[in-house]
């Protein structure tokens, strides 16, 4: 069943003026986007039911929706309100429910979750920008001179995380394309490596993203890795991330391989 829209009035009633941190603002923006999508889906489904029952004349929009439902495709009007995705309708809907549960949990607690499923956000870049805003305010630095830095743990299950990170945020839900990933030993960070046979999109470990001043950003033995929402790449570009390489490795190798991070594996 389609979940109920989030009660933004109730959520805002629990917030004091000083509670409106960049992360809370993002959670409210995500809630608004989610409500817009749910509203569009609900109204179009109700119209279709009324059309089928004879209470309304069948329109082209209704016929298109009915065809899409039969063909397991995401309706274009829904896609306009949604996010980049290559999934068929059945998988897309299950994905939508997971996204809903995350934003529901986020707004219920009104504080940052231990790890954010970056794939489940309408606007991942807005969340990453908020991370820089928080760091800039805490350190009295200008936002224009901040950038995010990534450090991958050696765990993939968010349930294994104990508490909030010392700095920045934890994110999960990334996949590698065009390469593989070699986990580090102990506390050492892993590094980009040759992909393994039949493993097109290996799941990446949980990533700690923290903001640093431009002058403190070190790209030594790092690949300038593009991050996209889907394997279509192109307009789904989100951000460029630093991905560790073996010290003897050459970045050109991964550029030629087209190595990139994706927030969805299909």
C-alpha atoms as a PDB file:
ATOM      1  CA  UNK A   1       0.000   0.000   0.000  1.00  0.00           C
ATOM      2  CA  UNK A   2       1.022   3.587  -0.607  1.00  0.00           C
ATOM      3  CA  UNK A   3       2.181   5.132   2.704  1.00  0.00           C
ATOM      4  CA  UNK A   4       0.544   8.222   4.152  1.00  0.00           C
ATOM      5  CA  UNK A   5       2.189  11.578   3.521  1.00  0.00           C
ATOM      6  CA  UNK A   6       4.497  12.852   6.238  1.00  0.00           C
ATOM      7  CA  UNK A   7       2.874  15.355   8.621  1.00  0.00           C
ATOM      8  CA  UNK A   8       5.134  18.347   8.078  1.00  0.00           C
ATOM      9  CA  UNK A   9       3.090  20.571  10.385  1.00  0.00           C
ATOM     10  CA  UNK A  10       3.561  18.113  13.245  1.00  0.00           C
ATOM     11  CA  UNK A  11       7.264  17.736  12.451  1.00  0.00           C
ATOM     12  CA  UNK A  12       7.836  21.496  12.382  1.00  0.00           C
ATOM     13  CA  UNK A  13       5.872  21.921  15.633  1.00  0.00           C
ATOM     14  CA  UNK A  14       8.615  19.944  17.409  1.00  0.00           C
ATOM     15  CA  UNK A  15      11.332  22.276  16.161  1.00  0.00           C
ATOM     16  CA  UNK A  16      12.603  25.388  17.896  1.00  0.00           C
ATOM     17  CA  UNK A  17      14.196  28.168  15.806  1.00  0.00           C
ATOM     18  CA  UNK A  18      17.686  27.063  16.871  1.00  0.00           C
ATOM     19  CA  UNK A  19      16.953  23.489  15.750  1.00  0.00           C
ATOM     20  CA  UNK A  20      16.980  24.429  12.069  1.00  0.00           C
ATOM     21  CA  UNK A  21      20.456  23.138  11.317  1.00  0.00           C
ATOM     22  CA  UNK A  22      21.523  22.454   7.706  1.00  0.00           C
ATOM     23  CA  UNK A  23      20.847  18.721   8.183  1.00  0.00           C
ATOM     24  CA  UNK A  24      17.360  19.310   9.608  1.00  0.00           C
ATOM     25  CA  UNK A  25      16.568  21.635   6.709  1.00  0.00           C
ATOM     26  CA  UNK A  26      17.601  18.872   4.283  1.00  0.00           C
ATOM     27  CA  UNK A  27      15.347  16.389   6.102  1.00  0.00           C
ATOM     28  CA  UNK A  28      12.410  18.796   5.690  1.00  0.00           C
ATOM     29  CA  UNK A  29      13.226  19.309   2.003  1.00  0.00           C
ATOM     30  CA  UNK A  30      13.365  15.553   1.505  1.00  0.00           C
ATOM     31  CA  UNK A  31      10.026  15.176   3.313  1.00  0.00           C
ATOM     32  CA  UNK A  32       8.440  17.811   1.064  1.00  0.00           C
ATOM     33  CA  UNK A  33       9.729  16.051  -2.062  1.00  0.00           C
ATOM     34  CA  UNK A  34       8.490  12.701  -0.771  1.00  0.00           C
ATOM     35  CA  UNK A  35       5.036  14.130  -0.044  1.00  0.00           C
ATOM     36  CA  UNK A  36       4.868  15.634  -3.542  1.00  0.00           C
ATOM     37  CA  UNK A  37       5.628  12.244  -5.101  1.00  0.00           C
ATOM     38  CA  UNK A  38       3.157  10.359  -2.887  1.00  0.00           C
ATOM     39  CA  UNK A  39       0.462  12.949  -3.608  1.00  0.00           C
ATOM     40  CA  UNK A  40       0.995  12.636  -7.363  1.00  0.00           C
ATOM     41  CA  UNK A  41       0.849   8.840  -7.201  1.00  0.00           C
ATOM     42  CA  UNK A  42      -2.239   8.780  -4.991  1.00  0.00           C
ATOM     43  CA  UNK A  43      -4.240  11.305  -7.028  1.00  0.00           C
ATOM     44  CA  UNK A  44      -3.454   9.619 -10.349  1.00  0.00           C
ATOM     45  CA  UNK A  45      -4.384   6.185  -8.978  1.00  0.00           C
ATOM     46  CA  UNK A  46      -7.679   7.517  -7.588  1.00  0.00           C
ATOM     47  CA  UNK A  47      -8.459   9.114 -10.970  1.00  0.00           C
ATOM     48  CA  UNK A  48      -7.734   5.842 -12.740  1.00  0.00           C
ATOM     49  CA  UNK A  49     -10.015   3.913 -10.369  1.00  0.00           C
ATOM     50  CA  UNK A  50     -12.807   6.439 -10.980  1.00  0.00           C
ATOM     51  CA  UNK A  51     -12.249   6.185 -14.720  1.00  0.00           C
ATOM     52  CA  UNK A  52     -12.390   2.381 -14.670  1.00  0.00           C
ATOM     53  CA  UNK A  53     -15.578   2.471 -12.564  1.00  0.00           C
ATOM     54  CA  UNK A  54     -17.203   4.882 -15.024  1.00  0.00           C
ATOM     55  CA  UNK A  55     -17.379   7.835 -12.628  1.00  0.00           C
ATOM     56  CA  UNK A  56     -14.950   9.804 -14.824  1.00  0.00           C
ATOM     57  CA  UNK A  57     -14.217   9.870 -18.525  1.00  0.00           C
ATOM     58  CA  UNK A  58     -11.053   7.985 -19.421  1.00  0.00           C
ATOM     59  CA  UNK A  59      -8.284  10.415 -20.386  1.00  0.00           C
ATOM     60  CA  UNK A  60      -4.979   9.888 -22.180  1.00  0.00           C
ATOM     61  CA  UNK A  61      -3.192  10.232 -18.843  1.00  0.00           C
ATOM     62  CA  UNK A  62      -5.315   7.452 -17.349  1.00  0.00           C
ATOM     63  CA  UNK A  63      -4.699   5.175 -20.330  1.00  0.00           C
ATOM     64  CA  UNK A  64      -0.965   5.803 -20.114  1.00  0.00           C
ATOM     65  CA  UNK A  65      -0.941   5.028 -16.402  1.00  0.00           C
ATOM     66  CA  UNK A  66      -2.934   1.826 -16.917  1.00  0.00           C
ATOM     67  CA  UNK A  67      -0.519   0.705 -19.634  1.00  0.00           C
ATOM     68  CA  UNK A  68       2.492   1.521 -17.465  1.00  0.00           C
ATOM     69  CA  UNK A  69       1.063  -0.513 -14.582  1.00  0.00           C
ATOM     70  CA  UNK A  70       0.500  -3.492 -16.869  1.00  0.00           C
ATOM     71  CA  UNK A  71       3.990  -3.189 -18.378  1.00  0.00           C
ATOM     72  CA  UNK A  72       5.691  -2.739 -14.969  1.00  0.00           C
ATOM     73  CA  UNK A  73       6.967   0.727 -15.935  1.00  0.00           C
ATOM     74  CA  UNK A  74       7.259   3.892 -13.849  1.00  0.00           C
ATOM     75  CA  UNK A  75       4.723   6.429 -15.062  1.00  0.00           C
ATOM     76  CA  UNK A  76       6.278   9.585 -16.549  1.00  0.00           C
ATOM     77  CA  UNK A  77       4.290  11.886 -14.230  1.00  0.00           C
ATOM     78  CA  UNK A  78       5.574   9.936 -11.233  1.00  0.00           C
ATOM     79  CA  UNK A  79       9.126  10.023 -12.564  1.00  0.00           C
ATOM     80  CA  UNK A  80       8.932  13.833 -12.854  1.00  0.00           C
ATOM     81  CA  UNK A  81       8.288  14.073  -9.119  1.00  0.00           C
ATOM     82  CA  UNK A  82      10.770  11.343  -8.237  1.00  0.00           C
ATOM     83  CA  UNK A  83      14.507  10.822  -8.674  1.00  0.00           C
ATOM     84  CA  UNK A  84      16.785   9.321 -11.298  1.00  0.00           C
ATOM     85  CA  UNK A  85      16.197   5.573 -11.493  1.00  0.00           C
ATOM     86  CA  UNK A  86      16.465   2.773 -14.046  1.00  0.00           C
ATOM     87  CA  UNK A  87      14.323   0.350 -12.046  1.00  0.00           C
ATOM     88  CA  UNK A  88      11.125  -1.272 -13.279  1.00  0.00           C
ATOM     89  CA  UNK A  89       7.985  -0.321 -11.358  1.00  0.00           C
ATOM     90  CA  UNK A  90       7.928  -3.252  -8.905  1.00  0.00           C
ATOM     91  CA  UNK A  91      11.548  -2.697  -7.800  1.00  0.00           C
ATOM     92  CA  UNK A  92      11.093   1.086  -7.978  1.00  0.00           C
ATOM     93  CA  UNK A  93       8.139   0.919  -5.574  1.00  0.00           C
ATOM     94  CA  UNK A  94      10.036  -1.236  -3.059  1.00  0.00           C
ATOM     95  CA  UNK A  95      12.886   1.276  -3.305  1.00  0.00           C
ATOM     96  CA  UNK A  96      10.414   4.115  -2.698  1.00  0.00           C
ATOM     97  CA  UNK A  97       9.198   2.452   0.506  1.00  0.00           C
ATOM     98  CA  UNK A  98      12.772   2.205   1.799  1.00  0.00           C
ATOM     99  CA  UNK A  99      13.348   5.878   0.994  1.00  0.00           C
ATOM    100  CA  UNK A 100      10.140   6.752   2.832  1.00  0.00           C
ATOM    101  CA  UNK A 101      11.218   4.778   5.909  1.00  0.00           C
ATOM    102  CA  UNK A 102      14.536   6.613   6.052  1.00  0.00           C
ATOM    103  CA  UNK A 103      13.060  10.112   5.885  1.00  0.00           C
ATOM    104  CA  UNK A 104      10.335   9.062   8.344  1.00  0.00           C
ATOM    105  CA  UNK A 105      12.972   7.862  10.840  1.00  0.00           C
ATOM    106  CA  UNK A 106      15.054  11.000  10.260  1.00  0.00           C
ATOM    107  CA  UNK A 107      12.156  13.385  10.933  1.00  0.00           C
ATOM    108  CA  UNK A 108      10.908  11.291  13.870  1.00  0.00           C
ATOM    109  CA  UNK A 109      14.227  11.736  15.674  1.00  0.00           C
ATOM    110  CA  UNK A 110      14.932  15.191  14.248  1.00  0.00           C
ATOM    111  CA  UNK A 111      18.640  14.483  14.397  1.00  0.00           C
ATOM    112  CA  UNK A 112      21.171  12.997  12.032  1.00  0.00           C
ATOM    113  CA  UNK A 113      21.028   9.197  11.704  1.00  0.00           C
ATOM    114  CA  UNK A 114      24.195   7.191  12.427  1.00  0.00           C
ATOM    115  CA  UNK A 115      24.514   6.534   8.703  1.00  0.00           C
ATOM    116  CA  UNK A 116      22.531   8.070   5.871  1.00  0.00           C
ATOM    117  CA  UNK A 117      21.540   5.851   2.952  1.00  0.00           C
ATOM    118  CA  UNK A 118      22.788   8.322   0.355  1.00  0.00           C
ATOM    119  CA  UNK A 119      20.996   6.408  -2.403  1.00  0.00           C
ATOM    120  CA  UNK A 120      17.664   7.148  -0.724  1.00  0.00           C
ATOM    121  CA  UNK A 121      17.827  10.929  -1.036  1.00  0.00           C
ATOM    122  CA  UNK A 122      16.087  13.022  -3.677  1.00  0.00           C
ATOM    123  CA  UNK A 123      18.968  15.494  -3.570  1.00  0.00           C
ATOM    124  CA  UNK A 124      22.200  13.884  -2.368  1.00  0.00           C
ATOM    125  CA  UNK A 125      24.251  16.963  -3.262  1.00  0.00           C
ATOM    126  CA  UNK A 126      22.167  19.113  -0.923  1.00  0.00           C
ATOM    127  CA  UNK A 127      22.967  16.752   1.943  1.00  0.00           C
ATOM    128  CA  UNK A 128      26.690  16.779   1.129  1.00  0.00           C
ATOM    129  CA  UNK A 129      26.646  20.585   0.932  1.00  0.00           C
ATOM    130  CA  UNK A 130      25.028  20.685   4.372  1.00  0.00           C
ATOM    131  CA  UNK A 131      27.964  18.684   5.681  1.00  0.00           C
ATOM    132  CA  UNK A 132      30.299  21.428   4.462  1.00  0.00           C
ATOM    133  CA  UNK A 133      28.044  24.147   5.903  1.00  0.00           C
ATOM    134  CA  UNK A 134      28.139  22.583   9.363  1.00  0.00           C
ATOM    135  CA  UNK A 135      31.937  22.238   9.292  1.00  0.00           C
ATOM    136  CA  UNK A 136      32.363  25.790   8.004  1.00  0.00           C
ATOM    137  CA  UNK A 137      30.244  27.190  10.852  1.00  0.00           C
ATOM    138  CA  UNK A 138      31.964  25.104  13.520  1.00  0.00           C
ATOM    139  CA  UNK A 139      35.420  26.154  12.345  1.00  0.00           C
ATOM    140  CA  UNK A 140      34.492  29.720  11.346  1.00  0.00           C
ATOM    141  CA  UNK A 141      35.541  29.150   7.737  1.00  0.00           C
ATOM    142  CA  UNK A 142      33.997  30.303   4.463  1.00  0.00           C
ATOM    143  CA  UNK A 143      31.825  27.720   2.737  1.00  0.00           C
ATOM    144  CA  UNK A 144      33.337  28.587  -0.662  1.00  0.00           C
ATOM    145  CA  UNK A 145      36.691  27.212   0.507  1.00  0.00           C
ATOM    146  CA  UNK A 146      35.353  23.916   1.881  1.00  0.00           C
ATOM    147  CA  UNK A 147      35.182  20.518   0.221  1.00  0.00           C
ATOM    148  CA  UNK A 148      34.169  17.040   1.316  1.00  0.00           C
ATOM    149  CA  UNK A 149      36.704  14.304   1.886  1.00  0.00           C
ATOM    150  CA  UNK A 150      35.851  10.596   1.927  1.00  0.00           C
ATOM    151  CA  UNK A 151      37.285   7.821   4.023  1.00  0.00           C
ATOM    152  CA  UNK A 152      35.918   4.307   3.591  1.00  0.00           C
ATOM    153  CA  UNK A 153      35.640   1.980   6.569  1.00  0.00           C
ATOM    154  CA  UNK A 154      36.014  -1.774   6.209  1.00  0.00           C
ATOM    155  CA  UNK A 155      32.404  -2.546   7.138  1.00  0.00           C
ATOM    156  CA  UNK A 156      29.284  -2.531   4.986  1.00  0.00           C
ATOM    157  CA  UNK A 157      26.473  -3.129   7.474  1.00  0.00           C
ATOM    158  CA  UNK A 158      25.195   0.142   9.032  1.00  0.00           C
ATOM    159  CA  UNK A 159      24.161  -1.863  12.117  1.00  0.00           C
ATOM    160  CA  UNK A 160      27.844  -2.386  12.901  1.00  0.00           C
ATOM    161  CA  UNK A 161      28.345   1.358  13.394  1.00  0.00           C
ATOM    162  CA  UNK A 162      28.699   2.374  17.017  1.00  0.00           C
ATOM    163  CA  UNK A 163      27.542   5.930  17.545  1.00  0.00           C
ATOM    164  CA  UNK A 164      28.068   9.054  15.475  1.00  0.00           C
ATOM    165  CA  UNK A 165      31.371   9.731  13.695  1.00  0.00           C
ATOM    166  CA  UNK A 166      33.900  12.022  15.372  1.00  0.00           C
ATOM    167  CA  UNK A 167      33.603  14.372  12.427  1.00  0.00           C
ATOM    168  CA  UNK A 168      31.344  14.625   9.403  1.00  0.00           C
ATOM    169  CA  UNK A 169      28.685  12.074   8.515  1.00  0.00           C
ATOM    170  CA  UNK A 170      28.514   8.400   7.652  1.00  0.00           C
ATOM    171  CA  UNK A 171      26.901   7.372   4.376  1.00  0.00           C
ATOM    172  CA  UNK A 172      26.190   3.996   2.796  1.00  0.00           C
ATOM    173  CA  UNK A 173      24.650   2.729  -0.429  1.00  0.00           C
ATOM    174  CA  UNK A 174      27.496   3.299  -2.885  1.00  0.00           C
ATOM    175  CA  UNK A 175      28.551   0.857  -5.614  1.00  0.00           C
ATOM    176  CA  UNK A 176      31.672   0.799  -7.768  1.00  0.00           C
ATOM    177  CA  UNK A 177      31.473   0.486 -11.554  1.00  0.00           C
ATOM    178  CA  UNK A 178      34.435  -0.129 -13.852  1.00  0.00           C
ATOM    179  CA  UNK A 179      36.623  -1.327 -10.993  1.00  0.00           C
ATOM    180  CA  UNK A 180      36.604  -3.270  -7.743  1.00  0.00           C
ATOM    181  CA  UNK A 181      37.513  -2.542  -4.153  1.00  0.00           C
ATOM    182  CA  UNK A 182      40.100  -4.141  -1.924  1.00  0.00           C
ATOM    183  CA  UNK A 183      39.268  -3.851   1.772  1.00  0.00           C
ATOM    184  CA  UNK A 184      41.993  -2.625   4.077  1.00  0.00           C
ATOM    185  CA  UNK A 185      43.516  -4.580   6.953  1.00  0.00           C
ATOM    186  CA  UNK A 186      42.532  -3.570  10.453  1.00  0.00           C
ATOM    187  CA  UNK A 187      42.006   0.182  10.554  1.00  0.00           C
ATOM    188  CA  UNK A 188      43.735   0.777   7.204  1.00  0.00           C
ATOM    189  CA  UNK A 189      41.532   2.168   4.444  1.00  0.00           C
ATOM    190  CA  UNK A 190      40.951  -0.022   1.395  1.00  0.00           C
ATOM    191  CA  UNK A 191      41.699   1.000  -2.163  1.00  0.00           C
ATOM    192  CA  UNK A 192      40.361   0.807  -5.718  1.00  0.00           C
ATOM    193  CA  UNK A 193      41.403  -2.394  -7.503  1.00  0.00           C
ATOM    194  CA  UNK A 194      40.647  -4.551 -10.521  1.00  0.00           C
ATOM    195  CA  UNK A 195      37.046  -5.690 -10.694  1.00  0.00           C
ATOM    196  CA  UNK A 196      36.292  -9.329  -9.946  1.00  0.00           C
ATOM    197  CA  UNK A 197      34.605 -11.537 -12.588  1.00  0.00           C
ATOM    198  CA  UNK A 198      30.789 -11.292 -12.672  1.00  0.00           C
ATOM    199  CA  UNK A 199      30.798  -8.562 -10.011  1.00  0.00           C
ATOM    200  CA  UNK A 200      29.774  -5.553 -12.082  1.00  0.00           C
ATOM    201  CA  UNK A 201      28.772  -3.295  -9.199  1.00  0.00           C
ATOM    202  CA  UNK A 202      30.548  -4.308  -5.980  1.00  0.00           C
ATOM    203  CA  UNK A 203      29.042  -2.774  -2.876  1.00  0.00           C
ATOM    204  CA  UNK A 204      31.305  -0.194  -1.269  1.00  0.00           C
ATOM    205  CA  UNK A 205      31.972  -0.030   2.479  1.00  0.00           C
ATOM    206  CA  UNK A 206      30.358   2.630   4.622  1.00  0.00           C
ATOM    207  CA  UNK A 207      31.994   5.991   4.020  1.00  0.00           C
ATOM    208  CA  UNK A 208      32.833   8.732   6.491  1.00  0.00           C
ATOM    209  CA  UNK A 209      32.435  12.085   4.718  1.00  0.00           C
ATOM    210  CA  UNK A 210      33.957  15.080   6.472  1.00  0.00           C
ATOM    211  CA  UNK A 211      34.597  18.595   5.225  1.00  0.00           C
ATOM    212  CA  UNK A 212      38.034  20.196   5.092  1.00  0.00           C
ATOM    213  CA  UNK A 213      39.442  23.503   3.895  1.00  0.00           C
ATOM    214  CA  UNK A 214      40.751  23.420   0.330  1.00  0.00           C
ATOM    215  CA  UNK A 215      44.336  23.868   1.508  1.00  0.00           C
ATOM    216  CA  UNK A 216      44.012  20.779   3.734  1.00  0.00           C
ATOM    217  CA  UNK A 217      42.707  18.521   0.956  1.00  0.00           C
ATOM    218  CA  UNK A 218      45.335  15.937  -0.032  1.00  0.00           C
ATOM    219  CA  UNK A 219      44.894  14.133  -3.363  1.00  0.00           C
ATOM    220  CA  UNK A 220      48.081  12.095  -3.028  1.00  0.00           C
ATOM    221  CA  UNK A 221      47.380   8.478  -4.119  1.00  0.00           C
ATOM    222  CA  UNK A 222      43.731   9.400  -4.711  1.00  0.00           C
ATOM    223  CA  UNK A 223      41.500   8.891  -7.747  1.00  0.00           C
ATOM    224  CA  UNK A 224      39.232  11.813  -8.669  1.00  0.00           C
ATOM    225  CA  UNK A 225      36.189   9.557  -8.794  1.00  0.00           C
ATOM    226  CA  UNK A 226      32.883  10.817 -10.259  1.00  0.00           C
ATOM    227  CA  UNK A 227      29.721   9.821  -8.400  1.00  0.00           C
ATOM    228  CA  UNK A 228      26.482   9.250 -10.319  1.00  0.00           C
ATOM    229  CA  UNK A 229      22.944   8.291  -9.320  1.00  0.00           C
ATOM    230  CA  UNK A 230      22.594   5.602 -11.996  1.00  0.00           C
ATOM    231  CA  UNK A 231      24.638   3.651 -14.527  1.00  0.00           C
ATOM    232  CA  UNK A 232      23.302   6.003 -17.217  1.00  0.00           C
ATOM    233  CA  UNK A 233      25.735   8.547 -15.729  1.00  0.00           C
ATOM    234  CA  UNK A 234      25.498  11.859 -17.676  1.00  0.00           C
ATOM    235  CA  UNK A 235      23.020  14.206 -16.020  1.00  0.00           C
ATOM    236  CA  UNK A 236      22.857  12.006 -12.910  1.00  0.00           C
ATOM    237  CA  UNK A 237      26.299  13.280 -11.813  1.00  0.00           C
ATOM    238  CA  UNK A 238      26.345  14.190  -8.112  1.00  0.00           C
ATOM    239  CA  UNK A 239      29.870  15.006  -7.029  1.00  0.00           C
ATOM    240  CA  UNK A 240      33.551  14.116  -7.354  1.00  0.00           C
ATOM    241  CA  UNK A 241      34.929  11.992  -4.530  1.00  0.00           C
ATOM    242  CA  UNK A 242      38.446  11.114  -3.464  1.00  0.00           C
ATOM    243  CA  UNK A 243      38.942   7.339  -3.698  1.00  0.00           C
ATOM    244  CA  UNK A 244      42.160   5.845  -2.370  1.00  0.00           C
ATOM    245  CA  UNK A 245      44.506   4.052  -4.754  1.00  0.00           C
ATOM    246  CA  UNK A 246      47.445   1.759  -4.116  1.00  0.00           C
ATOM    247  CA  UNK A 247      50.493   4.064  -3.657  1.00  0.00           C
ATOM    248  CA  UNK A 248      52.096   2.615  -6.814  1.00  0.00           C
ATOM    249  CA  UNK A 249      48.915   3.021  -8.872  1.00  0.00           C
ATOM    250  CA  UNK A 250      48.283   5.600 -11.597  1.00  0.00           C
ATOM    251  CA  UNK A 251      45.027   7.545 -11.789  1.00  0.00           C
ATOM    252  CA  UNK A 252      44.997   7.406 -15.607  1.00  0.00           C
ATOM    253  CA  UNK A 253      44.333   3.680 -15.342  1.00  0.00           C
ATOM    254  CA  UNK A 254      40.973   4.271 -13.657  1.00  0.00           C
ATOM    255  CA  UNK A 255      40.061   7.190 -15.898  1.00  0.00           C
ATOM    256  CA  UNK A 256      40.509   4.928 -18.942  1.00  0.00           C
ATOM    257  CA  UNK A 257      38.544   2.165 -17.188  1.00  0.00           C
ATOM    258  CA  UNK A 258      35.673   4.600 -16.619  1.00  0.00           C
ATOM    259  CA  UNK A 259      35.670   3.817 -12.901  1.00  0.00           C
ATOM    260  CA  UNK A 260      32.883   5.612 -11.050  1.00  0.00           C
ATOM    261  CA  UNK A 261      30.734   5.342  -7.956  1.00  0.00           C
ATOM    262  CA  UNK A 262      26.977   4.831  -8.295  1.00  0.00           C
ATOM    263  CA  UNK A 263      24.259   5.288  -5.686  1.00  0.00           C
ATOM    264  CA  UNK A 264      22.144   2.581  -7.368  1.00  0.00           C
ATOM    265  CA  UNK A 265      23.259  -0.722  -8.813  1.00  0.00           C
ATOM    266  CA  UNK A 266      20.499  -1.002 -11.451  1.00  0.00           C
END
